[in-house]
Amino acid sequence: MRLTEEFFHRDCLEVAPALVGKVLVRQLEDGSQIRLRISETEAYRGETDTACHAHKGRTKRTEVLYQEAGQIYVYLCYGMHWLLNFVTGEKEQPQAVLIRACEGAEGPGKLTKKLMVDGHLNRTSVFEQKELWVEDDGVRREILTDTRVGIGYASKEDQERLWRFKGKAAE
């Protein structure tokens, strides 16, 4: 079952762990699909979170974070890796969840490469376009928390937050 707006219309700290175990679906032009199970996410929580791109306020790049829940935020990291995020929460209160890894694609750059996701999906709605969406097939994972990765620019307090969510592997 495809996730609805209600799923994403919650705080990123609720959505991030809830996305673990869900399935990212990428439909290609030929009609075939790539399906990857989400195994790791990170939450980025607004202007007060120094790790969040919206920390310094609204810019052309961060405008998407201020939009409706379910907007796709794809950006280029280090000039070579596309990273996939979903906007969550209330409009005008910038939050997002980074999809950090999927089973069979460990790392945010590897998963966007495997899904063939790039900047053309940025600022589109996960509900309104037919190329990328998230499904719930009922699989649940035990969730482990950890600190976020690659945010050395953030305050010590924000670096230490346990806002990375990983699914414990099925046994």
Protein backbone atom coordinates (compact mmCIF):
# COMPACT_ATOMS: atom_id res chain seq x y z
CA MET A 1 0.00 0.00 0.00
CA ARG A 2 1.33 3.42 -1.00
CA LEU A 3 2.02 5.80 1.88
CA THR A 4 -0.38 8.73 2.13
CA GLU A 5 0.02 12.39 3.02
CA GLU A 6 -1.00 11.63 6.61
CA PHE A 7 2.08 9.44 7.02
CA PHE A 8 4.46 12.30 6.16
CA HIS A 9 2.38 15.00 7.87
CA ARG A 10 4.07 14.27 11.22
CA ASP A 11 7.24 15.39 12.96
CA CYS A 12 10.41 14.07 11.34
CA LEU A 13 11.28 12.26 14.58
CA GLU A 14 8.14 10.14 14.10
CA VAL A 15 8.46 9.70 10.33
CA ALA A 16 12.18 8.77 10.25
CA PRO A 17 11.91 5.56 12.32
CA ALA A 18 8.54 4.73 10.73
CA LEU A 19 10.13 4.74 7.25
CA VAL A 20 12.58 1.98 8.22
CA GLY A 21 11.27 -1.25 6.68
CA LYS A 22 9.14 0.53 4.06
CA VAL A 23 9.81 0.02 0.35
CA LEU A 24 11.08 2.73 -2.00
CA VAL A 25 9.67 2.15 -5.48
CA ARG A 26 11.21 3.72 -8.58
CA GLN A 27 9.24 3.26 -11.78
CA LEU A 28 11.33 3.56 -14.93
CA GLU A 29 10.23 4.85 -18.33
CA ASP A 30 9.84 1.28 -19.67
CA GLY A 31 7.39 0.47 -16.85
CA SER A 32 9.80 -1.72 -14.90
CA GLN A 33 10.31 -1.06 -11.21
CA ILE A 34 13.24 -1.01 -8.81
CA ARG A 35 12.14 -1.79 -5.25
CA LEU A 36 14.44 -1.29 -2.26
CA ARG A 37 13.63 -1.75 1.42
CA ILE A 38 14.65 1.24 3.57
CA SER A 39 17.13 0.19 6.25
CA GLU A 40 18.38 3.52 7.62
CA THR A 41 17.13 7.11 7.89
CA GLU A 42 18.14 10.39 9.55
CA ALA A 43 15.94 13.21 10.83
CA TYR A 44 16.69 16.90 10.22
CA ARG A 45 14.50 19.17 12.30
CA GLY A 46 14.21 22.77 11.26
CA GLU A 47 15.98 26.05 11.77
CA THR A 48 17.09 25.23 15.33
CA ASP A 49 18.89 22.04 14.19
CA THR A 50 22.35 23.20 13.08
CA ALA A 51 22.71 20.04 10.96
CA CYS A 52 19.57 20.89 8.94
CA HIS A 53 19.99 22.80 5.66
CA ALA A 54 17.24 25.18 6.84
CA HIS A 55 19.31 26.22 9.88
CA LYS A 56 20.35 29.45 8.19
CA GLY A 57 16.82 30.13 6.96
CA ARG A 58 15.03 30.14 3.67
CA THR A 59 17.12 30.08 0.49
CA LYS A 60 16.51 28.96 -3.07
CA ARG A 61 17.96 25.56 -2.15
CA THR A 62 16.01 25.14 1.11
CA GLU A 63 12.66 26.53 -0.09
CA VAL A 64 11.42 22.96 -0.65
CA LEU A 65 11.82 22.22 3.09
CA TYR A 66 9.20 24.87 3.86
CA GLN A 67 6.60 23.25 1.58
CA GLU A 68 3.91 20.62 2.21
CA ALA A 69 4.80 17.25 3.70
CA GLY A 70 5.66 14.69 1.04
CA GLN A 71 7.77 16.97 -1.13
CA ILE A 72 10.92 15.30 -2.40
CA TYR A 73 14.17 17.09 -1.60
CA VAL A 74 17.06 15.81 -3.72
CA TYR A 75 20.38 17.61 -3.60
CA LEU A 76 23.91 17.04 -4.84
CA CYS A 77 26.47 16.32 -2.10
CA TYR A 78 30.18 16.92 -2.71
CA GLY A 79 29.34 17.59 -6.34
CA MET A 80 28.89 13.89 -7.07
CA HIS A 81 26.22 12.12 -4.95
CA TRP A 82 22.49 12.80 -5.10
CA LEU A 83 20.81 12.48 -1.68
CA LEU A 84 17.11 11.71 -1.26
CA ASN A 85 14.96 13.30 1.45
CA PHE A 86 11.24 13.59 2.15
CA VAL A 87 9.79 16.75 3.68
CA THR A 88 7.73 16.09 6.82
CA GLY A 89 5.62 17.98 9.33
CA GLU A 90 3.80 21.26 8.90
CA LYS A 91 4.19 23.70 6.02
CA GLU A 92 6.55 26.60 6.89
CA GLN A 93 8.29 24.48 9.57
CA PRO A 94 11.22 22.96 7.66
CA GLN A 95 11.91 19.31 8.42
CA ALA A 96 13.02 16.35 6.36
CA VAL A 97 14.07 12.74 6.56
CA LEU A 98 17.16 11.60 4.68
CA ILE A 99 17.00 8.08 3.28
CA ARG A 100 20.50 6.99 4.30
CA ALA A 101 20.45 3.35 3.19
CA CYS A 102 18.38 0.54 1.75
CA GLU A 103 18.95 -3.20 1.81
CA GLY A 104 21.35 -3.83 -1.07
CA ALA A 105 22.33 -0.15 -1.31
CA GLU A 106 24.28 0.83 1.79
CA GLY A 107 24.80 4.57 1.69
CA PRO A 108 22.71 7.50 0.46
CA GLY A 109 24.72 7.99 -2.75
CA LYS A 110 24.64 4.30 -3.60
CA LEU A 111 20.89 4.07 -3.17
CA THR A 112 20.13 7.07 -5.40
CA LYS A 113 22.48 5.64 -8.03
CA LYS A 114 20.76 2.24 -7.84
CA LEU A 115 17.32 3.90 -8.05
CA MET A 116 18.47 6.27 -10.81
CA VAL A 117 17.33 9.27 -8.75
CA ASP A 118 18.77 12.68 -9.53
CA GLY A 119 17.85 16.34 -9.23
CA HIS A 120 14.93 16.16 -11.66
CA LEU A 121 12.76 14.79 -8.82
CA ASN A 122 13.62 17.70 -6.50
CA ARG A 123 10.57 19.74 -5.47
CA THR A 124 8.08 17.17 -6.72
CA SER A 125 5.43 15.51 -4.57
CA VAL A 126 5.83 11.85 -3.68
CA PHE A 127 2.03 11.64 -4.05
CA GLU A 128 1.58 13.37 -7.42
CA GLN A 129 4.27 11.96 -9.69
CA LYS A 130 4.62 8.41 -10.98
CA GLU A 131 8.38 7.89 -10.82
CA LEU A 132 9.05 7.47 -7.09
CA TRP A 133 6.93 6.55 -4.10
CA VAL A 134 7.02 4.64 -0.80
CA GLU A 135 4.98 1.55 0.06
CA ASP A 136 4.15 -0.27 3.28
CA ASP A 137 4.01 -4.03 2.79
CA GLY A 138 3.62 -4.75 6.50
CA VAL A 139 7.27 -5.55 7.28
CA ARG A 140 8.40 -4.18 10.64
CA ARG A 141 11.94 -3.90 11.94
CA GLU A 142 13.25 -3.33 15.43
CA ILE A 143 14.73 0.18 15.41
CA LEU A 144 18.19 1.05 16.71
CA THR A 145 19.26 4.68 17.14
CA ASP A 146 22.62 6.32 16.60
CA THR A 147 24.18 9.70 15.91
CA ARG A 148 23.86 11.24 12.46
CA VAL A 149 26.71 10.96 9.97
CA GLY A 150 28.69 13.63 8.12
CA ILE A 151 27.56 16.67 10.10
CA GLY A 152 30.86 17.93 11.48
CA TYR A 153 29.70 21.50 10.78
CA ALA A 154 26.83 21.22 13.28
CA SER A 155 26.93 22.12 16.98
CA LYS A 156 28.24 19.44 19.36
CA GLU A 157 24.74 19.07 20.80
CA ASP A 158 23.22 18.45 17.36
CA GLN A 159 26.03 16.06 16.40
CA GLU A 160 25.25 13.96 19.49
CA ARG A 161 21.51 13.65 18.89
CA LEU A 162 20.35 10.07 18.33
CA TRP A 163 18.43 10.99 15.19
CA ARG A 164 19.71 8.19 12.94
CA PHE A 165 17.38 5.21 12.78
CA LYS A 166 18.52 1.76 11.64
CA GLY A 167 16.51 -1.39 11.23
CA LYS A 168 17.85 -4.40 13.01
CA ALA A 169 18.41 -7.09 10.36
CA ALA A 170 15.79 -9.79 10.12
CA GLU A 171 16.93 -13.09 11.61
